[in-house]
């Protein structure tokens, strides 16, 4: 069962990511230690796409590797 967009946003906030609003339902997420940003689209109650879950998972993994 896919995660909800709000769950992905919560995971990013807990990891220290900052966000800014984009156009429409888009939010752009960045972290001071990572050289790239993530864009999530969709309303909070919507199911996240598989690629969005994968992007968040990879970003959190990259951040964990940097902090070791």
N, C-alpha and C. Protein backbone atom coordinates (compact mmCIF):
# COMPACT_ATOMS: atom_id res chain seq x y z
N UNK A 1 0.85 -1.18 0.00
CA UNK A 1 0.00 0.00 0.00
C UNK A 1 0.90 1.24 0.00
N UNK A 2 0.66 2.17 -0.90
CA UNK A 2 1.54 3.34 -0.98
C UNK A 2 1.35 4.28 0.21
N UNK A 3 2.42 4.98 0.53
CA UNK A 3 2.35 5.98 1.59
C UNK A 3 1.58 7.19 1.07
N UNK A 4 1.11 7.99 1.99
CA UNK A 4 0.45 9.24 1.64
C UNK A 4 1.51 10.33 1.50
N UNK A 5 1.20 11.36 0.74
CA UNK A 5 2.12 12.48 0.56
C UNK A 5 2.46 13.08 1.92
N UNK A 6 1.47 13.18 2.82
CA UNK A 6 1.73 13.77 4.13
C UNK A 6 2.77 12.97 4.93
N UNK A 7 2.80 11.65 4.73
CA UNK A 7 3.78 10.82 5.42
C UNK A 7 5.19 11.11 4.91
N UNK A 8 5.33 11.28 3.59
CA UNK A 8 6.64 11.60 3.03
C UNK A 8 7.11 12.96 3.52
N UNK A 9 6.20 13.93 3.58
CA UNK A 9 6.55 15.27 4.06
C UNK A 9 6.99 15.21 5.52
N UNK A 10 6.30 14.42 6.32
CA UNK A 10 6.65 14.26 7.73
C UNK A 10 8.04 13.66 7.89
N UNK A 11 8.35 12.66 7.07
CA UNK A 11 9.67 12.03 7.12
C UNK A 11 10.76 13.04 6.78
N UNK A 12 10.52 13.87 5.77
CA UNK A 12 11.51 14.86 5.37
C UNK A 12 11.69 15.93 6.45
N UNK A 13 10.60 16.38 7.05
CA UNK A 13 10.69 17.38 8.11
C UNK A 13 11.49 16.85 9.30
N UNK A 14 11.23 15.61 9.69
CA UNK A 14 11.95 15.01 10.83
C UNK A 14 13.43 14.88 10.55
N UNK A 15 13.80 14.73 9.28
CA UNK A 15 15.21 14.59 8.90
C UNK A 15 15.90 15.94 8.75
N UNK A 16 15.16 17.04 8.92
CA UNK A 16 15.78 18.36 8.87
C UNK A 16 15.70 19.05 7.52
N UNK A 17 14.85 18.57 6.64
CA UNK A 17 14.68 19.21 5.34
C UNK A 17 13.85 20.48 5.50
N UNK A 18 14.12 21.45 4.63
CA UNK A 18 13.35 22.68 4.56
C UNK A 18 12.52 22.62 3.29
N UNK A 19 11.38 23.29 3.29
CA UNK A 19 10.57 23.28 2.08
C UNK A 19 10.09 24.67 1.73
N UNK A 20 9.79 24.83 0.47
CA UNK A 20 9.15 26.05 -0.01
C UNK A 20 8.05 25.63 -0.97
N UNK A 21 7.07 26.46 -1.07
CA UNK A 21 5.95 26.16 -1.95
C UNK A 21 6.36 26.32 -3.40
N UNK A 22 5.85 25.46 -4.21
CA UNK A 22 6.05 25.56 -5.65
C UNK A 22 4.73 25.96 -6.28
N UNK A 23 4.60 25.66 -7.54
CA UNK A 23 3.39 26.00 -8.26
C UNK A 23 2.32 24.93 -8.00
N UNK A 24 1.13 25.36 -7.65
CA UNK A 24 0.04 24.42 -7.41
C UNK A 24 0.30 23.59 -6.17
N UNK A 25 0.24 22.28 -6.32
CA UNK A 25 0.41 21.38 -5.17
C UNK A 25 1.86 20.94 -4.99
N UNK A 26 2.79 21.57 -5.69
CA UNK A 26 4.19 21.18 -5.61
C UNK A 26 4.89 21.83 -4.41
N UNK A 27 5.75 21.07 -3.76
CA UNK A 27 6.63 21.60 -2.73
C UNK A 27 8.05 21.16 -3.05
N UNK A 28 9.00 22.07 -2.84
CA UNK A 28 10.40 21.79 -3.13
C UNK A 28 11.12 21.65 -1.80
N UNK A 29 11.79 20.53 -1.61
CA UNK A 29 12.45 20.19 -0.36
C UNK A 29 13.96 20.18 -0.54
N UNK A 30 14.67 20.80 0.39
CA UNK A 30 16.13 20.82 0.32
C UNK A 30 16.70 20.63 1.71
N UNK A 31 17.94 20.18 1.74
CA UNK A 31 18.66 19.99 3.00
C UNK A 31 20.03 20.63 2.83
N UNK A 32 20.52 21.34 3.85
CA UNK A 32 21.81 22.03 3.72
C UNK A 32 22.98 21.11 3.39
N UNK A 33 22.92 19.85 3.75
CA UNK A 33 24.03 18.94 3.50
C UNK A 33 23.97 18.25 2.15
N UNK A 34 22.83 18.31 1.48
CA UNK A 34 22.68 17.62 0.20
C UNK A 34 22.76 18.62 -0.96
N UNK A 35 23.43 18.25 -2.04
CA UNK A 35 23.61 19.17 -3.17
C UNK A 35 22.41 19.22 -4.12
N UNK A 36 21.34 18.53 -3.80
CA UNK A 36 20.18 18.50 -4.69
C UNK A 36 18.90 18.71 -3.87
N UNK A 37 17.81 18.95 -4.56
CA UNK A 37 16.53 19.12 -3.90
C UNK A 37 15.52 18.11 -4.45
N UNK A 38 14.43 17.94 -3.73
CA UNK A 38 13.35 17.03 -4.13
C UNK A 38 12.09 17.85 -4.38
N UNK A 39 11.30 17.44 -5.32
CA UNK A 39 10.01 18.07 -5.55
C UNK A 39 8.92 17.02 -5.35
N UNK A 40 8.00 17.33 -4.44
CA UNK A 40 6.84 16.46 -4.22
C UNK A 40 5.61 17.16 -4.77
N UNK A 41 4.80 16.42 -5.48
CA UNK A 41 3.56 16.99 -5.99
C UNK A 41 2.40 16.15 -5.50
N UNK A 42 1.29 16.80 -5.29
CA UNK A 42 0.09 16.10 -4.83
C UNK A 42 -0.39 16.67 -3.51
N UNK A 43 -1.66 16.49 -3.25
CA UNK A 43 -2.24 16.94 -1.99
C UNK A 43 -1.85 15.97 -0.88
N UNK A 44 -1.89 16.44 0.35
CA UNK A 44 -1.43 15.64 1.48
C UNK A 44 -2.13 14.29 1.60
N UNK A 45 -3.41 14.22 1.28
CA UNK A 45 -4.16 12.98 1.43
C UNK A 45 -4.03 12.02 0.26
N UNK A 46 -3.32 12.45 -0.79
CA UNK A 46 -3.19 11.60 -1.98
C UNK A 46 -2.12 10.53 -1.76
N UNK A 47 -2.28 9.42 -2.46
CA UNK A 47 -1.27 8.37 -2.42
C UNK A 47 -0.03 8.85 -3.17
N UNK A 48 1.13 8.58 -2.59
CA UNK A 48 2.39 8.94 -3.24
C UNK A 48 2.68 7.96 -4.37
N UNK A 49 3.27 8.47 -5.43
CA UNK A 49 3.71 7.60 -6.52
C UNK A 49 4.94 6.83 -6.07
N UNK A 50 5.18 5.72 -6.72
CA UNK A 50 6.31 4.87 -6.36
C UNK A 50 7.63 5.63 -6.48
N UNK A 51 7.77 6.46 -7.53
CA UNK A 51 9.02 7.20 -7.71
C UNK A 51 9.22 8.23 -6.61
N UNK A 52 8.12 8.80 -6.08
CA UNK A 52 8.25 9.77 -5.00
C UNK A 52 8.75 9.09 -3.73
N UNK A 53 8.22 7.92 -3.43
CA UNK A 53 8.69 7.17 -2.26
C UNK A 53 10.16 6.81 -2.42
N UNK A 54 10.54 6.40 -3.62
CA UNK A 54 11.93 6.03 -3.90
C UNK A 54 12.86 7.24 -3.75
N UNK A 55 12.44 8.39 -4.27
CA UNK A 55 13.25 9.61 -4.16
C UNK A 55 13.48 10.00 -2.71
N UNK A 56 12.42 9.94 -1.90
CA UNK A 56 12.54 10.30 -0.48
C UNK A 56 13.45 9.30 0.24
N UNK A 57 13.25 8.03 -0.03
CA UNK A 57 14.08 6.99 0.59
C UNK A 57 15.55 7.19 0.24
N UNK A 58 15.84 7.47 -1.02
CA UNK A 58 17.23 7.68 -1.45
C UNK A 58 17.83 8.93 -0.82
N UNK A 59 17.05 10.00 -0.71
CA UNK A 59 17.55 11.23 -0.10
C UNK A 59 17.87 11.00 1.38
N UNK A 60 17.01 10.29 2.08
CA UNK A 60 17.26 10.01 3.50
C UNK A 60 18.48 9.11 3.67
N UNK A 61 18.65 8.18 2.75
CA UNK A 61 19.81 7.29 2.79
C UNK A 61 21.10 8.08 2.53
N UNK A 62 21.07 8.98 1.53
CA UNK A 62 22.23 9.83 1.24
C UNK A 62 22.59 10.69 2.45
N UNK A 63 21.58 11.24 3.09
CA UNK A 63 21.81 12.08 4.26
C UNK A 63 22.42 11.27 5.40
N UNK A 64 21.92 10.07 5.60
CA UNK A 64 22.46 9.19 6.64
C UNK A 64 23.93 8.88 6.37
N UNK A 65 24.26 8.61 5.11
CA UNK A 65 25.65 8.30 4.74
C UNK A 65 26.57 9.50 4.97
N UNK A 66 26.07 10.70 4.73
CA UNK A 66 26.87 11.91 4.94
C UNK A 66 27.13 12.17 6.42
N UNK A 67 26.19 11.80 7.25
CA UNK A 67 26.30 12.08 8.68
C UNK A 67 27.11 11.04 9.43
N UNK A 68 27.52 9.97 8.77
CA UNK A 68 28.33 8.94 9.44
C UNK A 68 29.76 9.38 9.61
